[in-house]
Amino acid sequence: MDTTTILLATGETLRVKGALDEIAKAFENAARSSAGTLAWVEESGSGERLGVAPGQVVWVRTGRD
């Protein structure tokens, strides 16, 4: 299973399920939508669904186990 790591402006990192291109596209789509639109991703460990504001993302990279 592919994972992607996301660094937020708060300093928190999230590891989510999905390939880098897929997760980056979710943030791009949310950023192009109306203000306040979240990118919905699934946390790798717990499977919890998370809504992330694209403006809070500092960087994304391929997840590392």
N, C-alpha and C. Protein backbone atom coordinates (compact mmCIF):
# COMPACT_ATOMS: atom_id res chain seq x y z
N MET A 1 0.84 -1.18 0.00
CA MET A 1 0.00 0.00 0.00
C MET A 1 0.89 1.25 0.00
N ASP A 2 0.57 2.18 -0.88
CA ASP A 2 1.29 3.44 -0.94
C ASP A 2 0.85 4.35 0.20
N THR A 3 1.81 5.08 0.75
CA THR A 3 1.49 6.10 1.75
C THR A 3 2.18 7.39 1.37
N THR A 4 1.63 8.48 1.86
CA THR A 4 2.19 9.81 1.65
C THR A 4 2.28 10.51 3.00
N THR A 5 3.36 11.22 3.22
CA THR A 5 3.54 11.99 4.44
C THR A 5 3.28 13.46 4.14
N ILE A 6 2.52 14.10 5.02
CA ILE A 6 2.15 15.51 4.86
C ILE A 6 2.65 16.28 6.06
N LEU A 7 3.32 17.40 5.84
CA LEU A 7 3.72 18.30 6.92
C LEU A 7 2.77 19.49 6.91
N LEU A 8 2.15 19.75 8.06
CA LEU A 8 1.24 20.89 8.20
C LEU A 8 1.96 22.09 8.78
N ALA A 9 1.40 23.26 8.59
CA ALA A 9 1.99 24.51 9.09
C ALA A 9 2.14 24.49 10.61
N THR A 10 1.36 23.67 11.29
CA THR A 10 1.44 23.55 12.75
C THR A 10 2.66 22.75 13.20
N GLY A 11 3.33 22.09 12.25
CA GLY A 11 4.47 21.24 12.57
C GLY A 11 4.09 19.77 12.69
N GLU A 12 2.79 19.48 12.67
CA GLU A 12 2.32 18.10 12.76
C GLU A 12 2.51 17.41 11.42
N THR A 13 2.91 16.15 11.46
CA THR A 13 2.99 15.35 10.23
C THR A 13 1.90 14.30 10.25
N LEU A 14 1.38 14.02 9.09
CA LEU A 14 0.35 13.00 8.92
C LEU A 14 0.84 12.00 7.89
N ARG A 15 0.65 10.72 8.15
CA ARG A 15 0.90 9.70 7.14
C ARG A 15 -0.45 9.19 6.69
N VAL A 16 -0.71 9.32 5.41
CA VAL A 16 -2.02 8.98 4.87
C VAL A 16 -1.89 7.92 3.78
N LYS A 17 -3.00 7.20 3.57
CA LYS A 17 -3.04 6.18 2.52
C LYS A 17 -3.17 6.86 1.16
N GLY A 18 -2.42 6.35 0.20
CA GLY A 18 -2.50 6.85 -1.16
C GLY A 18 -1.15 7.26 -1.70
N ALA A 19 -1.02 7.17 -3.01
CA ALA A 19 0.20 7.57 -3.69
C ALA A 19 0.35 9.09 -3.66
N LEU A 20 1.57 9.55 -3.74
CA LEU A 20 1.88 10.97 -3.71
C LEU A 20 1.06 11.77 -4.72
N ASP A 21 0.99 11.29 -5.96
CA ASP A 21 0.24 12.01 -7.00
C ASP A 21 -1.24 12.12 -6.65
N GLU A 22 -1.81 11.06 -6.10
CA GLU A 22 -3.22 11.03 -5.73
C GLU A 22 -3.51 12.04 -4.60
N ILE A 23 -2.65 12.07 -3.60
CA ILE A 23 -2.85 12.99 -2.46
C ILE A 23 -2.62 14.43 -2.89
N ALA A 24 -1.58 14.68 -3.68
CA ALA A 24 -1.32 16.03 -4.17
C ALA A 24 -2.50 16.54 -4.98
N LYS A 25 -3.09 15.67 -5.79
CA LYS A 25 -4.25 16.05 -6.61
C LYS A 25 -5.44 16.42 -5.73
N ALA A 26 -5.64 15.71 -4.62
CA ALA A 26 -6.73 16.02 -3.69
C ALA A 26 -6.56 17.43 -3.13
N PHE A 27 -5.32 17.81 -2.79
CA PHE A 27 -5.07 19.16 -2.28
C PHE A 27 -5.23 20.21 -3.37
N GLU A 28 -4.77 19.91 -4.57
CA GLU A 28 -4.94 20.85 -5.69
C GLU A 28 -6.42 21.10 -5.98
N ASN A 29 -7.21 20.05 -5.99
CA ASN A 29 -8.64 20.19 -6.26
C ASN A 29 -9.33 20.99 -5.16
N ALA A 30 -8.99 20.74 -3.91
CA ALA A 30 -9.59 21.47 -2.80
C ALA A 30 -9.20 22.95 -2.86
N ALA A 31 -7.95 23.22 -3.21
CA ALA A 31 -7.47 24.61 -3.28
C ALA A 31 -8.19 25.39 -4.39
N ARG A 32 -8.54 24.71 -5.48
CA ARG A 32 -9.24 25.35 -6.60
C ARG A 32 -10.72 25.55 -6.33
N SER A 33 -11.26 24.83 -5.37
CA SER A 33 -12.68 24.92 -5.05
C SER A 33 -12.93 26.18 -4.22
N SER A 34 -14.14 26.31 -3.72
CA SER A 34 -14.48 27.50 -2.92
C SER A 34 -13.69 27.52 -1.61
N ALA A 35 -13.58 28.71 -1.06
CA ALA A 35 -12.83 28.88 0.20
C ALA A 35 -13.40 27.96 1.27
N GLY A 36 -12.51 27.36 2.03
CA GLY A 36 -12.93 26.49 3.12
C GLY A 36 -13.10 25.03 2.72
N THR A 37 -12.88 24.71 1.46
CA THR A 37 -13.00 23.32 1.02
C THR A 37 -11.81 22.52 1.54
N LEU A 38 -12.09 21.37 2.12
CA LEU A 38 -11.05 20.51 2.67
C LEU A 38 -10.70 19.40 1.70
N ALA A 39 -9.46 18.94 1.78
CA ALA A 39 -9.04 17.73 1.06
C ALA A 39 -9.25 16.57 2.03
N TRP A 40 -9.99 15.56 1.61
CA TRP A 40 -10.28 14.43 2.48
C TRP A 40 -9.31 13.30 2.18
N VAL A 41 -8.62 12.84 3.24
CA VAL A 41 -7.62 11.78 3.14
C VAL A 41 -7.87 10.77 4.25
N GLU A 42 -7.25 9.61 4.15
CA GLU A 42 -7.41 8.56 5.15
C GLU A 42 -6.08 8.30 5.84
N GLU A 43 -6.06 8.43 7.16
CA GLU A 43 -4.84 8.20 7.93
C GLU A 43 -4.37 6.76 7.76
N SER A 44 -3.09 6.57 7.58
CA SER A 44 -2.54 5.27 7.28
C SER A 44 -2.72 4.27 8.43
N GLY A 45 -2.40 4.65 9.64
CA GLY A 45 -2.45 3.71 10.76
C GLY A 45 -3.85 3.37 11.22
N SER A 46 -4.68 4.38 11.44
CA SER A 46 -5.99 4.17 12.04
C SER A 46 -7.11 4.01 11.02
N GLY A 47 -6.89 4.47 9.79
CA GLY A 47 -7.95 4.45 8.78
C GLY A 47 -8.95 5.58 8.97
N GLU A 48 -8.68 6.46 9.94
CA GLU A 48 -9.58 7.59 10.20
C GLU A 48 -9.58 8.55 9.01
N ARG A 49 -10.75 9.05 8.67
CA ARG A 49 -10.88 10.02 7.57
C ARG A 49 -10.60 11.41 8.12
N LEU A 50 -9.71 12.15 7.46
CA LEU A 50 -9.30 13.47 7.91
C LEU A 50 -9.57 14.51 6.82
N GLY A 51 -10.08 15.66 7.23
CA GLY A 51 -10.23 16.79 6.33
C GLY A 51 -9.10 17.77 6.60
N VAL A 52 -8.32 18.08 5.59
CA VAL A 52 -7.16 18.94 5.74
C VAL A 52 -7.32 20.17 4.84
N ALA A 53 -7.13 21.35 5.43
CA ALA A 53 -7.18 22.60 4.67
C ALA A 53 -5.92 22.70 3.81
N PRO A 54 -6.05 22.82 2.50
CA PRO A 54 -4.88 22.85 1.64
C PRO A 54 -3.90 23.98 1.97
N GLY A 55 -4.39 25.10 2.49
CA GLY A 55 -3.51 26.20 2.84
C GLY A 55 -2.60 25.91 4.03
N GLN A 56 -2.86 24.84 4.75
CA GLN A 56 -2.05 24.47 5.90
C GLN A 56 -0.93 23.49 5.57
N VAL A 57 -0.90 23.03 4.32
CA VAL A 57 0.10 22.04 3.91
C VAL A 57 1.41 22.74 3.53
N VAL A 58 2.50 22.32 4.18
CA VAL A 58 3.83 22.86 3.89
C VAL A 58 4.49 22.04 2.78
N TRP A 59 4.47 20.72 2.93
CA TRP A 59 4.99 19.83 1.89
C TRP A 59 4.36 18.46 1.98
N VAL A 60 4.46 17.70 0.89
CA VAL A 60 4.04 16.30 0.84
C VAL A 60 5.18 15.51 0.21
N ARG A 61 5.35 14.27 0.67
CA ARG A 61 6.37 13.41 0.07
C ARG A 61 5.91 11.96 0.22
N THR A 62 6.54 11.11 -0.55
CA THR A 62 6.23 9.69 -0.46
C THR A 62 6.47 9.24 0.97
N GLY A 63 5.50 8.48 1.51
CA GLY A 63 5.61 8.01 2.89
C GLY A 63 6.80 7.09 3.07
N ARG A 64 7.30 7.09 4.29
CA ARG A 64 8.46 6.24 4.61
C ARG A 64 8.11 5.39 5.81
N ASP A 65 8.31 4.08 5.67
CA ASP A 65 8.02 3.17 6.78
C ASP A 65 9.23 2.95 7.64
